[in-house]
């Protein structure tokens, strides 16, 4: 994430900065390195996700939204893929997403997921784009 400043009204805002090449590189990491079978078989890619606000969640109409979902949609747009025709979201629990990548029943996992050594054995990860930390407050 990069902090951008709007000089016209001096309002600082957070924005995601990338280029088409950057999205294409992300798409290759999402799809290309571990064998994506959906498009080879003529069926939509199965994009597994899980509810984890603010990364993936359903809106009032039941449609998927969130940081990770919108990032995937940007990747898909660069690759000229359309939701429903070229890919579909499937809600799964985290262990099922990992297992699905392992047995190739899931083509791509787009979810809030910690990168671990064991998970990296069965799937490729993009570069992390969110770091969380632990903070503990105590009274004096």
Protein backbone atom coordinates (compact mmCIF):
# COMPACT_ATOMS: atom_id res chain seq x y z
CA UNK A 1 0.00 0.00 0.00
CA UNK A 2 1.22 3.47 -0.78
CA UNK A 3 0.01 6.71 0.77
CA UNK A 4 -1.06 9.21 -1.89
CA UNK A 5 -1.71 12.89 -1.28
CA UNK A 6 -4.31 14.93 -3.11
CA UNK A 7 -2.56 18.29 -3.39
CA UNK A 8 -5.71 20.06 -4.59
CA UNK A 9 -7.45 19.80 -1.24
CA UNK A 10 -4.61 18.54 0.97
CA UNK A 11 -6.46 15.35 1.85
CA UNK A 12 -4.27 12.31 2.45
CA UNK A 13 -5.83 9.06 1.39
CA UNK A 14 -4.68 5.48 1.14
CA UNK A 15 -4.66 3.94 -2.27
CA UNK A 16 -3.41 0.83 -3.93
CA UNK A 17 -0.85 1.55 -6.59
CA UNK A 18 -0.05 -0.91 -9.33
CA UNK A 19 0.36 -1.17 -13.06
CA UNK A 20 -1.08 -3.55 -15.59
CA UNK A 21 2.25 -5.36 -15.52
CA UNK A 22 1.99 -5.62 -11.75
CA UNK A 23 -1.50 -7.10 -11.96
CA UNK A 24 -0.36 -9.46 -14.67
CA UNK A 25 2.49 -10.61 -12.44
CA UNK A 26 -0.01 -11.13 -9.62
CA UNK A 27 -2.24 -13.11 -11.98
CA UNK A 28 0.64 -15.37 -12.88
CA UNK A 29 1.33 -15.95 -9.21
CA UNK A 30 -2.38 -16.57 -8.52
CA UNK A 31 -2.87 -18.89 -11.46
CA UNK A 32 0.15 -19.96 -13.42
CA UNK A 33 2.74 -21.47 -11.16
CA UNK A 34 0.82 -24.35 -9.63
CA UNK A 35 -1.28 -25.52 -12.56
CA UNK A 36 -4.75 -24.10 -13.03
CA UNK A 37 -7.04 -26.62 -14.64
CA UNK A 38 -10.35 -24.76 -15.05
CA UNK A 39 -9.74 -23.00 -18.32
CA UNK A 40 -8.02 -26.04 -19.80
CA UNK A 41 -11.21 -28.07 -19.27
CA UNK A 42 -13.51 -25.35 -20.63
CA UNK A 43 -15.27 -24.77 -17.30
CA UNK A 44 -15.07 -21.59 -15.20
CA UNK A 45 -12.17 -21.33 -12.79
CA UNK A 46 -13.24 -22.23 -9.26
CA UNK A 47 -12.14 -19.38 -7.00
CA UNK A 48 -12.32 -20.54 -3.39
CA UNK A 49 -12.79 -17.91 -0.71
CA UNK A 50 -13.94 -17.61 2.88
CA UNK A 51 -15.74 -14.93 4.83
CA UNK A 52 -13.08 -12.77 6.50
CA UNK A 53 -13.96 -9.07 6.74
CA UNK A 54 -12.51 -6.83 5.24
CA UNK A 55 -10.82 -9.21 2.79
CA UNK A 56 -13.77 -11.29 1.60
CA UNK A 57 -17.40 -10.86 2.62
CA UNK A 58 -20.85 -10.75 1.13
CA UNK A 59 -22.64 -7.47 0.52
CA UNK A 60 -26.36 -6.81 1.10
CA UNK A 61 -27.16 -8.56 -2.21
CA UNK A 62 -25.12 -11.65 -1.35
CA UNK A 63 -22.33 -10.81 -3.79
CA UNK A 64 -18.67 -11.22 -2.81
CA UNK A 65 -16.72 -8.04 -2.06
CA UNK A 66 -13.68 -7.03 -0.01
CA UNK A 67 -10.00 -6.27 -0.50
CA UNK A 68 -8.97 -9.72 -1.73
CA UNK A 69 -12.04 -10.12 -3.92
CA UNK A 70 -11.53 -6.73 -5.58
CA UNK A 71 -7.85 -7.51 -6.13
CA UNK A 72 -8.86 -10.77 -7.85
CA UNK A 73 -11.38 -8.89 -9.99
CA UNK A 74 -8.64 -6.47 -11.10
CA UNK A 75 -6.42 -9.43 -12.04
CA UNK A 76 -9.31 -11.04 -13.91
CA UNK A 77 -10.05 -7.79 -15.77
CA UNK A 78 -6.45 -7.59 -17.00
CA UNK A 79 -6.76 -11.19 -18.18
CA UNK A 80 -10.12 -10.30 -19.80
CA UNK A 81 -12.01 -12.80 -17.64
CA UNK A 82 -15.67 -12.33 -16.73
CA UNK A 83 -17.27 -13.43 -13.48
CA UNK A 84 -19.80 -16.20 -14.02
CA UNK A 85 -18.43 -17.13 -17.43
CA UNK A 86 -14.69 -17.48 -16.86
CA UNK A 87 -14.61 -17.81 -13.05
CA UNK A 88 -16.93 -18.34 -10.10
CA UNK A 89 -16.54 -17.84 -6.37
CA UNK A 90 -17.03 -20.83 -4.08
CA UNK A 91 -17.20 -20.35 -0.30
CA UNK A 92 -15.13 -22.85 1.66
CA UNK A 93 -13.48 -23.18 5.05
CA UNK A 94 -9.73 -22.55 5.10
CA UNK A 95 -8.64 -26.22 5.41
CA UNK A 96 -10.90 -27.07 2.47
CA UNK A 97 -9.31 -24.33 0.34
CA UNK A 98 -5.86 -25.79 0.99
CA UNK A 99 -7.10 -29.33 0.38
CA UNK A 100 -8.88 -28.18 -2.78
CA UNK A 101 -5.66 -26.76 -4.18
CA UNK A 102 -3.90 -29.97 -3.23
CA UNK A 103 -6.37 -32.24 -5.06
CA UNK A 104 -7.01 -29.68 -7.86
CA UNK A 105 -10.75 -29.32 -7.14
CA UNK A 106 -10.07 -25.61 -6.54
CA UNK A 107 -8.20 -23.58 -9.13
CA UNK A 108 -7.42 -20.44 -7.12
CA UNK A 109 -7.69 -19.51 -3.46
CA UNK A 110 -8.49 -15.85 -2.78
CA UNK A 111 -8.77 -15.44 0.95
CA UNK A 112 -7.21 -14.00 4.06
CA UNK A 113 -4.63 -16.72 4.57
CA UNK A 114 -1.37 -16.82 6.48
CA UNK A 115 1.54 -18.05 4.41
CA UNK A 116 3.02 -21.14 6.07
CA UNK A 117 5.68 -23.61 5.00
CA UNK A 118 3.13 -26.44 4.71
CA UNK A 119 0.70 -24.35 2.64
CA UNK A 120 3.51 -23.26 0.33
CA UNK A 121 4.05 -26.93 -0.50
CA UNK A 122 0.65 -27.09 -2.22
CA UNK A 123 0.04 -23.54 -3.45
CA UNK A 124 1.84 -20.43 -4.54
CA UNK A 125 1.26 -17.13 -2.79
CA UNK A 126 1.42 -13.55 -4.00
CA UNK A 127 3.52 -11.15 -2.00
CA UNK A 128 1.77 -10.33 1.25
CA UNK A 129 -0.25 -7.11 1.17
CA UNK A 130 -1.45 -6.96 4.75
CA UNK A 131 0.57 -7.35 7.92
CA UNK A 132 -1.11 -7.72 11.27
CA UNK A 133 0.46 -7.41 14.66
CA UNK A 134 -0.36 -8.09 18.25
CA UNK A 135 -0.80 -5.27 20.73
CA UNK A 136 -1.46 -5.68 24.42
CA UNK A 137 -2.61 -2.84 26.66
CA UNK A 138 -2.19 -3.07 30.43
CA UNK A 139 -2.95 -0.63 33.21
CA UNK A 140 -0.09 0.93 35.20
